[in-house]
């Protein structure tokens, strides 16, 4: 899952740089600092949408990772007897994730993403 999170952030940061690069900047006086000409530009809306989507997907991938590890540990702990070989507890954790708990993980990561986005804005 670490590879997917890394790929998500590489793609997300690249897309964010491309989107913010399309905004119109205006130089204010002789200083080198610039400001955005219009905050109603559609490219800024796309930028904030991309930031929120990246935060949500990151939280969702982290939630899936934590749930699969917890499910695998639970399957191992509640196995029938000490000598029994388990039949791929990681795969059963992924099955439980996508079969039974997908919506709960998505909703929880949505709440976390909203809070992180508000922190990003302020």
N, C-alpha and C. Protein backbone atom coordinates (compact mmCIF):
# COMPACT_ATOMS: atom_id res chain seq x y z
N UNK A 1 0.81 -1.19 0.00
CA UNK A 1 0.00 0.00 0.00
C UNK A 1 0.85 1.25 0.00
N UNK A 2 2.05 1.14 0.52
CA UNK A 2 2.94 2.29 0.55
C UNK A 2 3.26 2.80 -0.85
N UNK A 3 3.39 1.87 -1.80
CA UNK A 3 3.66 2.27 -3.18
C UNK A 3 2.49 3.07 -3.75
N UNK A 4 1.27 2.63 -3.45
CA UNK A 4 0.09 3.33 -3.96
C UNK A 4 -0.03 4.73 -3.37
N UNK A 5 0.30 4.87 -2.10
CA UNK A 5 0.26 6.20 -1.46
C UNK A 5 1.32 7.10 -2.08
N UNK A 6 2.51 6.56 -2.31
CA UNK A 6 3.58 7.34 -2.95
C UNK A 6 3.17 7.75 -4.36
N UNK A 7 2.61 6.82 -5.14
CA UNK A 7 2.17 7.13 -6.50
C UNK A 7 1.05 8.16 -6.49
N UNK A 8 0.14 8.06 -5.51
CA UNK A 8 -0.94 9.03 -5.38
C UNK A 8 -0.39 10.43 -5.15
N UNK A 9 0.57 10.57 -4.24
CA UNK A 9 1.11 11.89 -3.94
C UNK A 9 1.97 12.44 -5.09
N UNK A 10 2.68 11.58 -5.80
CA UNK A 10 3.45 12.06 -6.96
C UNK A 10 2.50 12.59 -8.02
N UNK A 11 1.46 11.83 -8.33
CA UNK A 11 0.47 12.29 -9.31
C UNK A 11 -0.27 13.53 -8.82
N UNK A 12 -0.68 13.52 -7.55
CA UNK A 12 -1.42 14.65 -7.00
C UNK A 12 -0.62 15.93 -6.99
N UNK A 13 0.63 15.86 -6.57
CA UNK A 13 1.47 17.06 -6.55
C UNK A 13 1.75 17.57 -7.96
N UNK A 14 1.97 16.66 -8.89
CA UNK A 14 2.19 17.07 -10.28
C UNK A 14 0.95 17.77 -10.83
N UNK A 15 -0.22 17.20 -10.57
CA UNK A 15 -1.47 17.80 -11.06
C UNK A 15 -1.72 19.14 -10.39
N UNK A 16 -1.42 19.25 -9.09
CA UNK A 16 -1.63 20.52 -8.38
C UNK A 16 -0.73 21.61 -8.92
N UNK A 17 0.52 21.27 -9.22
CA UNK A 17 1.45 22.27 -9.78
C UNK A 17 0.97 22.70 -11.16
N UNK A 18 0.50 21.76 -11.96
CA UNK A 18 -0.02 22.12 -13.29
C UNK A 18 -1.26 23.00 -13.18
N UNK A 19 -2.14 22.69 -12.22
CA UNK A 19 -3.36 23.48 -12.07
C UNK A 19 -3.09 24.88 -11.54
N UNK A 20 -2.21 25.00 -10.56
CA UNK A 20 -1.93 26.33 -10.01
C UNK A 20 -1.11 27.15 -11.01
N UNK A 21 -0.43 26.48 -11.91
CA UNK A 21 0.31 27.19 -12.94
C UNK A 21 -0.57 27.84 -13.97
N UNK A 22 -1.82 27.41 -14.08
CA UNK A 22 -2.73 28.02 -15.04
C UNK A 22 -3.46 29.23 -14.47
N UNK A 23 -3.31 29.51 -13.17
CA UNK A 23 -3.94 30.68 -12.57
C UNK A 23 -3.23 31.94 -13.03
N UNK A 24 -3.92 33.05 -13.03
CA UNK A 24 -3.36 34.32 -13.47
C UNK A 24 -2.79 35.06 -12.26
N UNK A 25 -1.50 35.35 -12.32
CA UNK A 25 -0.82 36.06 -11.25
C UNK A 25 -0.51 37.48 -11.70
N UNK A 26 -0.54 38.44 -10.77
CA UNK A 26 -0.27 39.83 -11.07
C UNK A 26 0.82 40.32 -10.11
N UNK A 27 1.81 41.04 -10.65
CA UNK A 27 2.87 41.58 -9.83
C UNK A 27 2.37 42.86 -9.17
N UNK A 28 2.52 42.96 -7.86
CA UNK A 28 2.08 44.15 -7.10
C UNK A 28 3.29 45.02 -6.79
N UNK A 29 3.53 46.03 -7.58
CA UNK A 29 4.61 46.98 -7.33
C UNK A 29 5.97 46.41 -7.69
N UNK A 30 7.01 47.02 -7.13
CA UNK A 30 8.37 46.62 -7.51
C UNK A 30 8.85 45.35 -6.80
N UNK A 31 8.07 44.83 -5.84
CA UNK A 31 8.54 43.64 -5.13
C UNK A 31 8.35 42.39 -5.98
N UNK A 32 8.98 41.33 -5.55
CA UNK A 32 8.94 40.09 -6.33
C UNK A 32 7.75 39.22 -5.95
N UNK A 33 7.01 39.61 -4.91
CA UNK A 33 5.87 38.81 -4.48
C UNK A 33 4.70 39.02 -5.44
N UNK A 34 4.02 37.97 -5.73
CA UNK A 34 2.88 38.04 -6.64
C UNK A 34 1.61 37.65 -5.90
N UNK A 35 0.51 37.96 -6.49
CA UNK A 35 -0.76 37.54 -5.92
C UNK A 35 -1.65 37.07 -7.06
N UNK A 36 -2.64 36.33 -6.70
CA UNK A 36 -3.57 35.81 -7.68
C UNK A 36 -4.55 36.92 -8.05
N UNK A 37 -4.77 37.10 -9.34
CA UNK A 37 -5.60 38.20 -9.81
C UNK A 37 -7.05 38.01 -9.41
N UNK A 38 -7.59 36.82 -9.62
CA UNK A 38 -9.00 36.59 -9.33
C UNK A 38 -9.15 35.25 -8.60
N UNK A 39 -9.78 35.28 -7.45
CA UNK A 39 -10.00 34.05 -6.70
C UNK A 39 -11.22 33.28 -7.20
N UNK A 40 -11.89 33.80 -8.20
CA UNK A 40 -13.02 33.08 -8.80
C UNK A 40 -12.59 32.30 -10.03
N UNK A 41 -11.32 32.21 -10.29
CA UNK A 41 -10.82 31.48 -11.44
C UNK A 41 -11.16 29.99 -11.31
N UNK A 42 -11.52 29.38 -12.41
CA UNK A 42 -11.89 27.96 -12.36
C UNK A 42 -10.68 27.08 -12.07
N UNK A 43 -9.49 27.52 -12.45
CA UNK A 43 -8.30 26.71 -12.18
C UNK A 43 -8.04 26.61 -10.68
N UNK A 44 -8.37 27.64 -9.90
CA UNK A 44 -8.22 27.54 -8.45
C UNK A 44 -9.24 26.58 -7.87
N UNK A 45 -10.44 26.56 -8.42
CA UNK A 45 -11.43 25.59 -7.97
C UNK A 45 -10.97 24.17 -8.25
N UNK A 46 -10.41 23.94 -9.42
CA UNK A 46 -9.87 22.63 -9.75
C UNK A 46 -8.71 22.26 -8.83
N UNK A 47 -7.89 23.26 -8.48
CA UNK A 47 -6.76 23.03 -7.58
C UNK A 47 -7.25 22.57 -6.21
N UNK A 48 -8.23 23.28 -5.65
CA UNK A 48 -8.75 22.90 -4.33
C UNK A 48 -9.47 21.55 -4.40
N UNK A 49 -10.14 21.28 -5.50
CA UNK A 49 -10.78 19.98 -5.69
C UNK A 49 -9.73 18.87 -5.73
N UNK A 50 -8.61 19.12 -6.38
CA UNK A 50 -7.54 18.13 -6.46
C UNK A 50 -6.89 17.92 -5.09
N UNK A 51 -6.71 18.99 -4.34
CA UNK A 51 -6.15 18.87 -3.00
C UNK A 51 -7.07 18.02 -2.13
N UNK A 52 -8.37 18.32 -2.16
CA UNK A 52 -9.32 17.55 -1.35
C UNK A 52 -9.37 16.09 -1.77
N UNK A 53 -9.39 15.84 -3.07
CA UNK A 53 -9.41 14.46 -3.55
C UNK A 53 -8.18 13.68 -3.16
N UNK A 54 -7.03 14.33 -3.21
CA UNK A 54 -5.79 13.67 -2.81
C UNK A 54 -5.80 13.36 -1.32
N UNK A 55 -6.27 14.31 -0.52
CA UNK A 55 -6.36 14.05 0.92
C UNK A 55 -7.32 12.91 1.23
N UNK A 56 -8.45 12.87 0.51
CA UNK A 56 -9.44 11.82 0.75
C UNK A 56 -8.88 10.45 0.35
N UNK A 57 -8.27 10.36 -0.81
CA UNK A 57 -7.70 9.08 -1.23
C UNK A 57 -6.58 8.62 -0.31
N UNK A 58 -5.77 9.58 0.16
CA UNK A 58 -4.70 9.22 1.09
C UNK A 58 -5.29 8.66 2.38
N UNK A 59 -6.30 9.32 2.92
CA UNK A 59 -6.94 8.82 4.14
C UNK A 59 -7.61 7.47 3.90
N UNK A 60 -8.19 7.28 2.73
CA UNK A 60 -8.86 6.02 2.42
C UNK A 60 -7.86 4.88 2.30
N UNK A 61 -6.73 5.12 1.64
CA UNK A 61 -5.71 4.08 1.53
C UNK A 61 -5.12 3.73 2.89
N UNK A 62 -4.94 4.74 3.74
CA UNK A 62 -4.44 4.47 5.09
C UNK A 62 -5.47 3.67 5.90
N UNK A 63 -6.75 3.98 5.74
CA UNK A 63 -7.79 3.25 6.46
C UNK A 63 -7.85 1.79 6.01
N UNK A 64 -7.71 1.56 4.70
CA UNK A 64 -7.70 0.19 4.20
C UNK A 64 -6.50 -0.57 4.75
N UNK A 65 -5.35 0.08 4.77
CA UNK A 65 -4.14 -0.57 5.29
C UNK A 65 -4.31 -0.97 6.75
N UNK A 66 -4.79 -0.04 7.56
CA UNK A 66 -4.97 -0.33 8.98
C UNK A 66 -6.02 -1.42 9.18
N UNK A 67 -7.10 -1.38 8.41
CA UNK A 67 -8.15 -2.39 8.57
C UNK A 67 -7.66 -3.77 8.17
N UNK A 68 -6.91 -3.87 7.09
CA UNK A 68 -6.43 -5.18 6.64
C UNK A 68 -5.47 -5.77 7.68
N UNK A 69 -4.61 -4.95 8.24
CA UNK A 69 -3.70 -5.45 9.28
C UNK A 69 -4.48 -5.90 10.51
N UNK A 70 -5.47 -5.09 10.92
CA UNK A 70 -6.29 -5.46 12.07
C UNK A 70 -7.09 -6.74 11.81
N UNK A 71 -7.63 -6.88 10.60
CA UNK A 71 -8.40 -8.07 10.27
C UNK A 71 -7.51 -9.31 10.25
N UNK A 72 -6.30 -9.18 9.71
CA UNK A 72 -5.39 -10.32 9.68
C UNK A 72 -4.98 -10.74 11.09
N UNK A 73 -4.73 -9.77 11.95
CA UNK A 73 -4.38 -10.10 13.34
C UNK A 73 -5.56 -10.74 14.07
N UNK A 74 -6.77 -10.27 13.79
CA UNK A 74 -7.96 -10.84 14.41
C UNK A 74 -8.20 -12.26 13.94
N UNK A 75 -8.04 -12.52 12.65
CA UNK A 75 -8.21 -13.87 12.12
C UNK A 75 -7.17 -14.80 12.73
N UNK A 76 -5.95 -14.33 12.87
CA UNK A 76 -4.91 -15.15 13.48
C UNK A 76 -5.21 -15.43 14.95
N UNK A 77 -5.65 -14.41 15.68
CA UNK A 77 -5.90 -14.57 17.11
C UNK A 77 -7.06 -15.51 17.38
N UNK A 78 -8.10 -15.43 16.58
CA UNK A 78 -9.27 -16.27 16.81
C UNK A 78 -9.26 -17.51 15.94
N UNK A 79 -8.08 -17.99 15.54
CA UNK A 79 -8.03 -19.24 14.78
C UNK A 79 -8.44 -20.40 15.69
N UNK A 80 -8.86 -21.49 15.10
CA UNK A 80 -9.47 -22.59 15.84
C UNK A 80 -8.53 -23.22 16.87
N UNK A 81 -7.30 -23.50 16.45
CA UNK A 81 -6.36 -24.14 17.38
C UNK A 81 -4.96 -23.64 17.06
N UNK A 82 -4.03 -23.82 17.99
CA UNK A 82 -2.69 -23.25 17.79
C UNK A 82 -1.92 -23.82 16.61
N UNK A 83 -2.12 -25.07 16.25
CA UNK A 83 -1.33 -25.68 15.19
C UNK A 83 -1.91 -25.55 13.80
N UNK A 84 -3.05 -24.93 13.64
CA UNK A 84 -3.73 -24.85 12.35
C UNK A 84 -3.09 -23.75 11.49
N UNK A 85 -2.81 -24.10 10.24
CA UNK A 85 -2.28 -23.11 9.30
C UNK A 85 -3.43 -22.25 8.79
N UNK A 86 -3.22 -20.95 8.78
CA UNK A 86 -4.25 -20.05 8.29
C UNK A 86 -4.20 -19.96 6.77
N UNK A 87 -5.35 -19.79 6.16
CA UNK A 87 -5.43 -19.70 4.71
C UNK A 87 -5.44 -18.22 4.32
N UNK A 88 -4.28 -17.64 4.18
CA UNK A 88 -4.04 -16.26 3.75
C UNK A 88 -4.93 -15.23 4.47
N UNK A 89 -4.55 -14.86 5.68
CA UNK A 89 -5.36 -13.89 6.42
C UNK A 89 -5.35 -12.49 5.80
N UNK A 90 -4.31 -12.15 5.04
CA UNK A 90 -4.27 -10.85 4.38
C UNK A 90 -5.35 -10.79 3.29
N UNK A 91 -5.47 -11.85 2.52
CA UNK A 91 -6.51 -11.87 1.47
C UNK A 91 -7.90 -11.85 2.08
N UNK A 92 -8.09 -12.54 3.20
CA UNK A 92 -9.40 -12.49 3.84
C UNK A 92 -9.65 -11.10 4.43
N UNK A 93 -8.59 -10.40 4.86
CA UNK A 93 -8.75 -9.03 5.32
C UNK A 93 -9.17 -8.10 4.20
N UNK A 94 -8.57 -8.26 3.02
CA UNK A 94 -9.00 -7.47 1.86
C UNK A 94 -10.43 -7.81 1.46
N UNK A 95 -10.79 -9.09 1.53
CA UNK A 95 -12.15 -9.49 1.20
C UNK A 95 -13.14 -8.83 2.15
N UNK A 96 -12.85 -8.88 3.45
CA UNK A 96 -13.74 -8.25 4.42
C UNK A 96 -13.82 -6.74 4.21
N UNK A 97 -12.69 -6.14 3.81
CA UNK A 97 -12.68 -4.70 3.58
C UNK A 97 -13.63 -4.31 2.46
N UNK A 98 -13.49 -4.97 1.32
CA UNK A 98 -14.27 -4.57 0.15
C UNK A 98 -15.68 -5.16 0.16
N UNK A 99 -15.92 -6.20 0.92
CA UNK A 99 -17.24 -6.80 0.97
C UNK A 99 -18.14 -6.17 2.03
N UNK A 100 -17.58 -5.89 3.21
CA UNK A 100 -18.42 -5.48 4.32
C UNK A 100 -18.16 -4.06 4.84
N UNK A 101 -16.95 -3.56 4.72
CA UNK A 101 -16.60 -2.33 5.43
C UNK A 101 -16.16 -1.18 4.52
N UNK A 102 -16.39 -1.30 3.23
CA UNK A 102 -15.93 -0.28 2.27
C UNK A 102 -16.57 1.08 2.54
N UNK A 103 -17.86 1.12 2.76
CA UNK A 103 -18.56 2.39 3.01
C UNK A 103 -18.14 3.04 4.30
N UNK A 104 -17.97 2.26 5.34
CA UNK A 104 -17.54 2.82 6.62
C UNK A 104 -16.16 3.43 6.53
N UNK A 105 -15.26 2.74 5.84
CA UNK A 105 -13.91 3.28 5.68
C UNK A 105 -13.92 4.53 4.81
N UNK A 106 -14.74 4.54 3.77
CA UNK A 106 -14.82 5.72 2.90
C UNK A 106 -15.42 6.91 3.65
N UNK A 107 -16.45 6.68 4.46
CA UNK A 107 -17.07 7.77 5.20
C UNK A 107 -16.13 8.31 6.28
N UNK A 108 -15.45 7.43 6.98
CA UNK A 108 -14.48 7.88 8.00
C UNK A 108 -13.34 8.66 7.39
N UNK A 109 -12.85 8.20 6.23
CA UNK A 109 -11.77 8.94 5.58
C UNK A 109 -12.27 10.26 5.00
N UNK A 110 -13.55 10.34 4.63
CA UNK A 110 -14.13 11.61 4.19
C UNK A 110 -14.12 12.62 5.32
N UNK A 111 -14.50 12.21 6.51
CA UNK A 111 -14.49 13.11 7.67
C UNK A 111 -13.07 13.59 7.95
N UNK A 112 -12.11 12.68 7.91
CA UNK A 112 -10.71 13.05 8.14
C UNK A 112 -10.23 14.00 7.06
N UNK A 113 -10.60 13.75 5.80
CA UNK A 113 -10.18 14.62 4.70
C UNK A 113 -10.78 16.01 4.81
N UNK A 114 -12.03 16.11 5.26
CA UNK A 114 -12.65 17.42 5.44
C UNK A 114 -11.90 18.21 6.51
N UNK A 115 -11.56 17.57 7.61
CA UNK A 115 -10.82 18.24 8.67
C UNK A 115 -9.43 18.66 8.18
N UNK A 116 -8.75 17.78 7.46
CA UNK A 116 -7.43 18.14 6.93
C UNK A 116 -7.52 19.26 5.92
N UNK A 117 -8.57 19.29 5.10
CA UNK A 117 -8.74 20.34 4.11
C UNK A 117 -8.99 21.68 4.78
N UNK A 118 -9.79 21.68 5.83
CA UNK A 118 -10.03 22.93 6.58
C UNK A 118 -8.72 23.41 7.20
N UNK A 119 -7.92 22.49 7.73
CA UNK A 119 -6.61 22.86 8.26
C UNK A 119 -5.71 23.42 7.16
N UNK A 120 -5.78 22.84 5.97
CA UNK A 120 -4.98 23.32 4.84
C UNK A 120 -5.39 24.74 4.44
N UNK A 121 -6.69 25.01 4.44
CA UNK A 121 -7.18 26.33 4.05
C UNK A 121 -6.74 27.38 5.06
N UNK A 122 -6.86 27.07 6.34
CA UNK A 122 -6.49 28.05 7.36
C UNK A 122 -5.01 28.06 7.61
